[in-house]
Amino acid sequence: MEHETKLISTLEELKDCENINILGYEKGPLAEYLGTPDEALALLKESHGVSLDPKFKASFHRFSRLGIHWRGASENSAVGGEFYLVHLLNAIIGGRPADLASSRSSEKEAALYSDFRIFDSQPRGGVGTFAALRLRDGTDEPEIWYFHMNHGSTRMEIDYQEYLNNLLLTRGAYYWQYLFTDTPADYYHSNEIASGLRRAIEFLSDVFPNNDYSDLRARLHDRLA
């Protein structure tokens, strides 16, 4: 399956790079019992009543969990990244995140969080961040949301397949998700996210010169304008 190959290739590329230090790595078993993408999506519909657009088959992977935590070596130690993917069905069947809503959450926020199904997170070096599908009745194409413990949730402008593609491109560099949201410019400046993303994009461009990072540069520029 194409995305399985791409994910493993990206992990091996990070592990073999002399300019990157690997701080954590986890590769769970393949959920082969779920079968092909067609069989897995059919099982999801039959057992949980959740229908997903057929295009999810193109971005399907069978890893029960797959994660890596890294930092740039020596003078680039301020740059880092992390992702921890789980199987699409595990994310959905696992249910909504426990205890995400707090006493400070409004009814609207609590209702939103109840729709979330986490498929990517940063458990080692993150600060309570994750990406989730938002399951809603009447649609087979869930929204993608990014959550930060201190700053709440924001909807992303991309779908699940585009999320995985950009995850591979950024190697999970911290906060890359904000480049695909309508987060205001003052947020970037007040939280030093802009400088971190700028360093990350330049670092990745130097270390992985065969990849095109012009779109990420343009997105950062547009969001700071």
C-alpha atoms as a PDB file:
ATOM      1  CA  MET A   1       0.000   0.000   0.000  1.00  0.00           C
ATOM      2  CA  GLU A   2       1.433   3.309  -1.127  1.00  0.00           C
ATOM      3  CA  HIS A   3       1.200   5.264   2.126  1.00  0.00           C
ATOM      4  CA  GLU A   4       2.736   2.445   4.149  1.00  0.00           C
ATOM      5  CA  THR A   5       5.768   2.525   1.865  1.00  0.00           C
ATOM      6  CA  LYS A   6       6.005   6.309   2.031  1.00  0.00           C
ATOM      7  CA  LEU A   7       5.727   6.359   5.816  1.00  0.00           C
ATOM      8  CA  ILE A   8       8.464   3.778   6.294  1.00  0.00           C
ATOM      9  CA  SER A   9      10.667   5.545   3.737  1.00  0.00           C
ATOM     10  CA  THR A  10      10.295   8.823   5.631  1.00  0.00           C
ATOM     11  CA  LEU A  11      11.116   7.184   8.962  1.00  0.00           C
ATOM     12  CA  GLU A  12      14.206   5.496   7.570  1.00  0.00           C
ATOM     13  CA  GLU A  13      15.298   8.754   5.954  1.00  0.00           C
ATOM     14  CA  LEU A  14      15.078  10.526   9.313  1.00  0.00           C
ATOM     15  CA  LYS A  15      16.902   7.724  11.133  1.00  0.00           C
ATOM     16  CA  ASP A  16      19.724   7.692   8.572  1.00  0.00           C
ATOM     17  CA  CYS A  17      20.219  11.468   8.479  1.00  0.00           C
ATOM     18  CA  GLU A  18      23.419  12.617  10.190  1.00  0.00           C
ATOM     19  CA  ASN A  19      21.909  16.061  10.789  1.00  0.00           C
ATOM     20  CA  ILE A  20      19.069  14.656  12.901  1.00  0.00           C
ATOM     21  CA  ASN A  21      19.004  13.012  16.319  1.00  0.00           C
ATOM     22  CA  ILE A  22      16.251  10.449  16.916  1.00  0.00           C
ATOM     23  CA  LEU A  23      14.821  10.739  20.429  1.00  0.00           C
ATOM     24  CA  GLY A  24      12.096   8.139  20.106  1.00  0.00           C
ATOM     25  CA  TYR A  25      10.757   5.655  17.603  1.00  0.00           C
ATOM     26  CA  GLU A  26       7.839   3.251  17.644  1.00  0.00           C
ATOM     27  CA  LYS A  27       6.587   0.918  14.961  1.00  0.00           C
ATOM     28  CA  GLY A  28       3.596  -1.185  15.887  1.00  0.00           C
ATOM     29  CA  PRO A  29       2.398  -4.275  14.035  1.00  0.00           C
ATOM     30  CA  LEU A  30       0.336  -4.125  10.883  1.00  0.00           C
ATOM     31  CA  ALA A  31      -3.378  -4.614  11.463  1.00  0.00           C
ATOM     32  CA  GLU A  32      -3.510  -7.278   8.768  1.00  0.00           C
ATOM     33  CA  TYR A  33      -6.679  -8.775  10.229  1.00  0.00           C
ATOM     34  CA  LEU A  34      -8.566  -5.699   8.968  1.00  0.00           C
ATOM     35  CA  GLY A  35      -7.765  -6.715   5.413  1.00  0.00           C
ATOM     36  CA  THR A  36      -7.689  -4.447   2.391  1.00  0.00           C
ATOM     37  CA  PRO A  37      -8.818  -0.808   2.477  1.00  0.00           C
ATOM     38  CA  ASP A  38     -12.146  -1.853   0.958  1.00  0.00           C
ATOM     39  CA  GLU A  39     -12.645  -4.505   3.637  1.00  0.00           C
ATOM     40  CA  ALA A  40     -11.609  -2.183   6.456  1.00  0.00           C
ATOM     41  CA  LEU A  41     -13.977   0.598   5.402  1.00  0.00           C
ATOM     42  CA  ALA A  42     -16.785  -1.915   4.961  1.00  0.00           C
ATOM     43  CA  LEU A  43     -16.127  -3.259   8.470  1.00  0.00           C
ATOM     44  CA  LEU A  44     -16.186   0.265   9.881  1.00  0.00           C
ATOM     45  CA  LYS A  45     -19.580   0.908   8.314  1.00  0.00           C
ATOM     46  CA  GLU A  46     -21.004  -2.436   9.390  1.00  0.00           C
ATOM     47  CA  SER A  47     -19.745  -2.414  12.974  1.00  0.00           C
ATOM     48  CA  HIS A  48     -19.929   1.298  13.835  1.00  0.00           C
ATOM     49  CA  GLY A  49     -22.185   2.824  11.215  1.00  0.00           C
ATOM     50  CA  VAL A  50     -19.451   5.166  10.003  1.00  0.00           C
ATOM     51  CA  SER A  51     -19.164   5.654   6.239  1.00  0.00           C
ATOM     52  CA  LEU A  52     -16.018   7.207   4.793  1.00  0.00           C
ATOM     53  CA  ASP A  53     -15.547   8.585   1.308  1.00  0.00           C
ATOM     54  CA  PRO A  54     -13.859   5.997  -0.972  1.00  0.00           C
ATOM     55  CA  LYS A  55     -10.912   8.374  -1.411  1.00  0.00           C
ATOM     56  CA  PHE A  56      -9.772   7.333   2.083  1.00  0.00           C
ATOM     57  CA  LYS A  57      -8.571   4.118   0.452  1.00  0.00           C
ATOM     58  CA  ALA A  58      -5.813   6.060  -1.311  1.00  0.00           C
ATOM     59  CA  SER A  59      -4.326   7.198   2.021  1.00  0.00           C
ATOM     60  CA  PHE A  60      -4.927   3.995   3.948  1.00  0.00           C
ATOM     61  CA  HIS A  61      -2.181   2.445   6.072  1.00  0.00           C
ATOM     62  CA  ARG A  62      -2.363  -0.612   8.329  1.00  0.00           C
ATOM     63  CA  PHE A  63       0.000   0.409  11.137  1.00  0.00           C
ATOM     64  CA  SER A  64      -1.597   0.076  14.556  1.00  0.00           C
ATOM     65  CA  ARG A  65       0.809   2.831  15.614  1.00  0.00           C
ATOM     66  CA  LEU A  66       3.779   4.484  13.986  1.00  0.00           C
ATOM     67  CA  GLY A  67       5.731   7.324  15.505  1.00  0.00           C
ATOM     68  CA  ILE A  68       9.026   9.168  15.610  1.00  0.00           C
ATOM     69  CA  HIS A  69      10.417  12.033  17.714  1.00  0.00           C
ATOM     70  CA  TRP A  70      13.449  13.945  16.424  1.00  0.00           C
ATOM     71  CA  ARG A  71      15.624  17.019  16.879  1.00  0.00           C
ATOM     72  CA  GLY A  72      18.165  18.707  14.646  1.00  0.00           C
ATOM     73  CA  ALA A  73      21.756  17.900  15.533  1.00  0.00           C
ATOM     74  CA  SER A  74      24.217  20.361  17.138  1.00  0.00           C
ATOM     75  CA  GLU A  75      23.419  23.993  16.234  1.00  0.00           C
ATOM     76  CA  ASN A  76      20.029  22.960  14.839  1.00  0.00           C
ATOM     77  CA  SER A  77      18.757  21.513  18.112  1.00  0.00           C
ATOM     78  CA  ALA A  78      16.026  24.182  18.284  1.00  0.00           C
ATOM     79  CA  VAL A  79      14.330  22.473  15.340  1.00  0.00           C
ATOM     80  CA  GLY A  80      12.335  19.357  16.033  1.00  0.00           C
ATOM     81  CA  GLY A  81       9.352  17.319  15.065  1.00  0.00           C
ATOM     82  CA  GLU A  82       7.170  14.408  16.025  1.00  0.00           C
ATOM     83  CA  PHE A  83       4.254  12.374  14.848  1.00  0.00           C
ATOM     84  CA  TYR A  84       2.420   9.378  16.243  1.00  0.00           C
ATOM     85  CA  LEU A  85      -0.073   7.925  13.824  1.00  0.00           C
ATOM     86  CA  VAL A  86      -2.635   5.277  14.649  1.00  0.00           C
ATOM     87  CA  HIS A  87      -4.693   3.100  12.355  1.00  0.00           C
ATOM     88  CA  LEU A  88      -7.689   4.939  10.936  1.00  0.00           C
ATOM     89  CA  LEU A  89     -10.128   2.383  12.328  1.00  0.00           C
ATOM     90  CA  ASN A  90      -8.449   2.407  15.728  1.00  0.00           C
ATOM     91  CA  ALA A  91      -8.823   6.177  15.825  1.00  0.00           C
ATOM     92  CA  ILE A  92     -12.526   6.016  15.035  1.00  0.00           C
ATOM     93  CA  ILE A  93     -13.420   2.943  17.067  1.00  0.00           C
ATOM     94  CA  GLY A  94     -11.445   4.286  20.023  1.00  0.00           C
ATOM     95  CA  GLY A  95     -14.080   6.950  20.498  1.00  0.00           C
ATOM     96  CA  ARG A  96     -13.859  10.569  21.517  1.00  0.00           C
ATOM     97  CA  PRO A  97     -10.866  11.820  23.554  1.00  0.00           C
ATOM     98  CA  ALA A  98     -11.368  11.274  27.258  1.00  0.00           C
ATOM     99  CA  ASP A  99     -11.540  14.303  29.553  1.00  0.00           C
ATOM    100  CA  LEU A 100     -10.758  16.764  26.769  1.00  0.00           C
ATOM    101  CA  ALA A 101     -13.514  19.137  27.782  1.00  0.00           C
ATOM    102  CA  SER A 102     -12.877  20.996  31.039  1.00  0.00           C
ATOM    103  CA  SER A 103     -14.870  23.220  33.349  1.00  0.00           C
ATOM    104  CA  ARG A 104     -13.753  26.134  31.172  1.00  0.00           C
ATOM    105  CA  SER A 105     -15.191  24.603  28.004  1.00  0.00           C
ATOM    106  CA  SER A 106     -18.414  26.000  26.635  1.00  0.00           C
ATOM    107  CA  GLU A 107     -21.239  23.715  25.555  1.00  0.00           C
ATOM    108  CA  LYS A 108     -20.248  24.395  21.945  1.00  0.00           C
ATOM    109  CA  GLU A 109     -16.653  23.359  22.600  1.00  0.00           C
ATOM    110  CA  ALA A 110     -17.704  20.238  24.473  1.00  0.00           C
ATOM    111  CA  ALA A 111     -19.971  19.238  21.590  1.00  0.00           C
ATOM    112  CA  LEU A 112     -17.126  19.818  19.130  1.00  0.00           C
ATOM    113  CA  TYR A 113     -14.690  17.716  21.160  1.00  0.00           C
ATOM    114  CA  SER A 114     -17.165  14.861  21.317  1.00  0.00           C
ATOM    115  CA  ASP A 115     -16.911  14.589  17.522  1.00  0.00           C
ATOM    116  CA  PHE A 116     -13.096  14.272  17.572  1.00  0.00           C
ATOM    117  CA  ARG A 117     -11.246  11.039  16.818  1.00  0.00           C
ATOM    118  CA  ILE A 118      -7.478  11.432  17.245  1.00  0.00           C
ATOM    119  CA  PHE A 119      -5.262   9.949  14.524  1.00  0.00           C
ATOM    120  CA  ASP A 120      -1.975  11.855  15.057  1.00  0.00           C
ATOM    121  CA  SER A 121      -0.390  13.233  18.233  1.00  0.00           C
ATOM    122  CA  GLN A 122       2.886  14.371  19.786  1.00  0.00           C
ATOM    123  CA  PRO A 123       3.106  12.448  23.074  1.00  0.00           C
ATOM    124  CA  ARG A 124       6.842  12.829  23.750  1.00  0.00           C
ATOM    125  CA  GLY A 125       7.805  16.420  23.027  1.00  0.00           C
ATOM    126  CA  GLY A 126       4.461  18.052  22.372  1.00  0.00           C
ATOM    127  CA  VAL A 127       2.427  20.230  24.690  1.00  0.00           C
ATOM    128  CA  GLY A 128      -0.934  18.559  24.428  1.00  0.00           C
ATOM    129  CA  THR A 129      -1.329  18.741  20.655  1.00  0.00           C
ATOM    130  CA  PHE A 130      -3.050  16.383  18.270  1.00  0.00           C
ATOM    131  CA  ALA A 131      -4.880  16.129  14.948  1.00  0.00           C
ATOM    132  CA  ALA A 132      -8.325  14.605  14.783  1.00  0.00           C
ATOM    133  CA  LEU A 133     -11.058  13.659  12.398  1.00  0.00           C
ATOM    134  CA  ARG A 134     -14.332  15.357  13.211  1.00  0.00           C
ATOM    135  CA  LEU A 135     -17.098  12.847  12.595  1.00  0.00           C
ATOM    136  CA  ARG A 136     -20.466  14.379  11.756  1.00  0.00           C
ATOM    137  CA  ASP A 137     -23.753  12.808  10.751  1.00  0.00           C
ATOM    138  CA  GLY A 138     -24.734  13.191   7.121  1.00  0.00           C
ATOM    139  CA  THR A 139     -21.232  13.347   5.643  1.00  0.00           C
ATOM    140  CA  ASP A 140     -18.645  10.730   4.693  1.00  0.00           C
ATOM    141  CA  GLU A 141     -15.767  13.215   4.623  1.00  0.00           C
ATOM    142  CA  PRO A 142     -14.732  14.200   8.169  1.00  0.00           C
ATOM    143  CA  GLU A 143     -13.181  17.597   8.817  1.00  0.00           C
ATOM    144  CA  ILE A 144      -9.585  17.721  10.064  1.00  0.00           C
ATOM    145  CA  TRP A 145      -8.948  19.686  13.266  1.00  0.00           C
ATOM    146  CA  TYR A 146      -5.758  20.565  15.142  1.00  0.00           C
ATOM    147  CA  PHE A 147      -5.830  20.934  18.917  1.00  0.00           C
ATOM    148  CA  HIS A 148      -3.385  22.716  21.241  1.00  0.00           C
ATOM    149  CA  MET A 149      -3.933  22.335  24.966  1.00  0.00           C
ATOM    150  CA  ASN A 150      -3.259  26.005  25.690  1.00  0.00           C
ATOM    151  CA  HIS A 151      -4.936  27.521  22.657  1.00  0.00           C
ATOM    152  CA  GLY A 152      -7.836  25.290  21.789  1.00  0.00           C
ATOM    153  CA  SER A 153      -8.830  23.842  18.445  1.00  0.00           C
ATOM    154  CA  THR A 154      -8.793  25.099  14.889  1.00  0.00           C
ATOM    155  CA  ARG A 155     -10.116  23.553  11.717  1.00  0.00           C
ATOM    156  CA  MET A 156      -7.558  22.729   9.042  1.00  0.00           C
ATOM    157  CA  GLU A 157      -8.049  23.555   5.360  1.00  0.00           C
ATOM    158  CA  ILE A 158      -6.955  20.132   4.140  1.00  0.00           C
ATOM    159  CA  ASP A 159      -8.388  16.630   4.128  1.00  0.00           C
ATOM    160  CA  TYR A 160      -6.946  13.436   5.610  1.00  0.00           C
ATOM    161  CA  GLN A 161      -4.935  12.478   2.547  1.00  0.00           C
ATOM    162  CA  GLU A 162      -3.472  15.975   2.250  1.00  0.00           C
ATOM    163  CA  TYR A 163      -2.659  15.868   5.949  1.00  0.00           C
ATOM    164  CA  LEU A 164      -0.587  12.717   5.530  1.00  0.00           C
ATOM    165  CA  ASN A 165       1.158  14.110   2.454  1.00  0.00           C
ATOM    166  CA  ASN A 166       2.180  17.265   4.314  1.00  0.00           C
ATOM    167  CA  LEU A 167       3.151  15.263   7.378  1.00  0.00           C
ATOM    168  CA  LEU A 168       5.607  13.368   5.187  1.00  0.00           C
ATOM    169  CA  LEU A 169       6.907  16.595   3.645  1.00  0.00           C
ATOM    170  CA  THR A 170       7.436  18.339   6.998  1.00  0.00           C
ATOM    171  CA  ARG A 171       8.593  15.170   8.763  1.00  0.00           C
ATOM    172  CA  GLY A 172       6.217  16.205  11.528  1.00  0.00           C
ATOM    173  CA  ALA A 173       7.998  19.501  12.316  1.00  0.00           C
ATOM    174  CA  TYR A 174       6.251  21.032  15.303  1.00  0.00           C
ATOM    175  CA  TYR A 175       3.231  23.225  14.506  1.00  0.00           C
ATOM    176  CA  TRP A 176       3.334  22.686  10.745  1.00  0.00           C
ATOM    177  CA  GLN A 177      -0.423  22.216  10.969  1.00  0.00           C
ATOM    178  CA  TYR A 178      -0.946  25.936  11.583  1.00  0.00           C
ATOM    179  CA  LEU A 179       0.199  26.626   8.017  1.00  0.00           C
ATOM    180  CA  PHE A 180      -3.055  25.035   6.870  1.00  0.00           C
ATOM    181  CA  THR A 181      -5.421  27.009   9.113  1.00  0.00           C
ATOM    182  CA  ASP A 182      -6.751  30.562   9.158  1.00  0.00           C
ATOM    183  CA  THR A 183      -5.028  31.337  12.478  1.00  0.00           C
ATOM    184  CA  PRO A 184      -4.482  35.146  12.805  1.00  0.00           C
ATOM    185  CA  ALA A 185      -1.004  36.588  12.339  1.00  0.00           C
ATOM    186  CA  ASP A 186      -0.796  37.937  15.905  1.00  0.00           C
ATOM    187  CA  TYR A 187      -1.039  34.366  17.199  1.00  0.00           C
ATOM    188  CA  TYR A 188       2.137  33.395  15.319  1.00  0.00           C
ATOM    189  CA  HIS A 189       4.070  36.336  16.726  1.00  0.00           C
ATOM    190  CA  SER A 190       2.844  36.091  20.310  1.00  0.00           C
ATOM    191  CA  ASN A 191       3.718  32.401  20.581  1.00  0.00           C
ATOM    192  CA  GLU A 192       6.978  32.389  18.583  1.00  0.00           C
ATOM    193  CA  ILE A 193       5.433  29.854  16.248  1.00  0.00           C
ATOM    194  CA  ALA A 194       6.472  31.881  13.205  1.00  0.00           C
ATOM    195  CA  SER A 195      10.181  31.804  14.077  1.00  0.00           C
ATOM    196  CA  GLY A 196      10.002  28.085  14.832  1.00  0.00           C
ATOM    197  CA  LEU A 197       8.307  27.321  11.533  1.00  0.00           C
ATOM    198  CA  ARG A 198      10.764  29.504   9.644  1.00  0.00           C
ATOM    199  CA  ARG A 199      13.719  27.665  11.182  1.00  0.00           C
ATOM    200  CA  ALA A 200      12.098  24.311  10.486  1.00  0.00           C
ATOM    201  CA  ILE A 201      11.394  25.080   6.823  1.00  0.00           C
ATOM    202  CA  GLU A 202      14.949  26.284   6.218  1.00  0.00           C
ATOM    203  CA  PHE A 203      16.415  23.301   8.050  1.00  0.00           C
ATOM    204  CA  LEU A 204      14.331  20.811   6.093  1.00  0.00           C
ATOM    205  CA  SER A 205      15.195  22.569   2.829  1.00  0.00           C
ATOM    206  CA  ASP A 206      18.899  22.178   3.574  1.00  0.00           C
ATOM    207  CA  VAL A 207      18.719  18.587   4.806  1.00  0.00           C
ATOM    208  CA  PHE A 208      16.241  17.315   2.204  1.00  0.00           C
ATOM    209  CA  PRO A 209      17.060  19.382  -0.921  1.00  0.00           C
ATOM    210  CA  ASN A 210      15.090  17.097  -3.224  1.00  0.00           C
ATOM    211  CA  ASN A 211      11.818  18.236  -1.631  1.00  0.00           C
ATOM    212  CA  ASP A 212      10.027  21.438  -2.604  1.00  0.00           C
ATOM    213  CA  TYR A 213       9.219  23.669   0.372  1.00  0.00           C
ATOM    214  CA  SER A 214       8.151  26.723  -1.611  1.00  0.00           C
ATOM    215  CA  ASP A 215       4.478  26.233  -0.746  1.00  0.00           C
ATOM    216  CA  LEU A 216       5.223  26.127   2.981  1.00  0.00           C
ATOM    217  CA  ARG A 217       7.317  29.299   2.701  1.00  0.00           C
ATOM    218  CA  ALA A 218       4.515  31.017   0.821  1.00  0.00           C
ATOM    219  CA  ARG A 219       1.944  29.931   3.380  1.00  0.00           C
ATOM    220  CA  LEU A 220       4.038  31.257   6.265  1.00  0.00           C
ATOM    221  CA  HIS A 221       4.592  34.543   4.431  1.00  0.00           C
ATOM    222  CA  ASP A 222       0.866  34.929   3.725  1.00  0.00           C
ATOM    223  CA  ARG A 223      -0.070  34.280   7.329  1.00  0.00           C
ATOM    224  CA  LEU A 224       2.338  36.909   8.601  1.00  0.00           C
ATOM    225  CA  ALA A 225       1.313  39.561   6.074  1.00  0.00           C
END
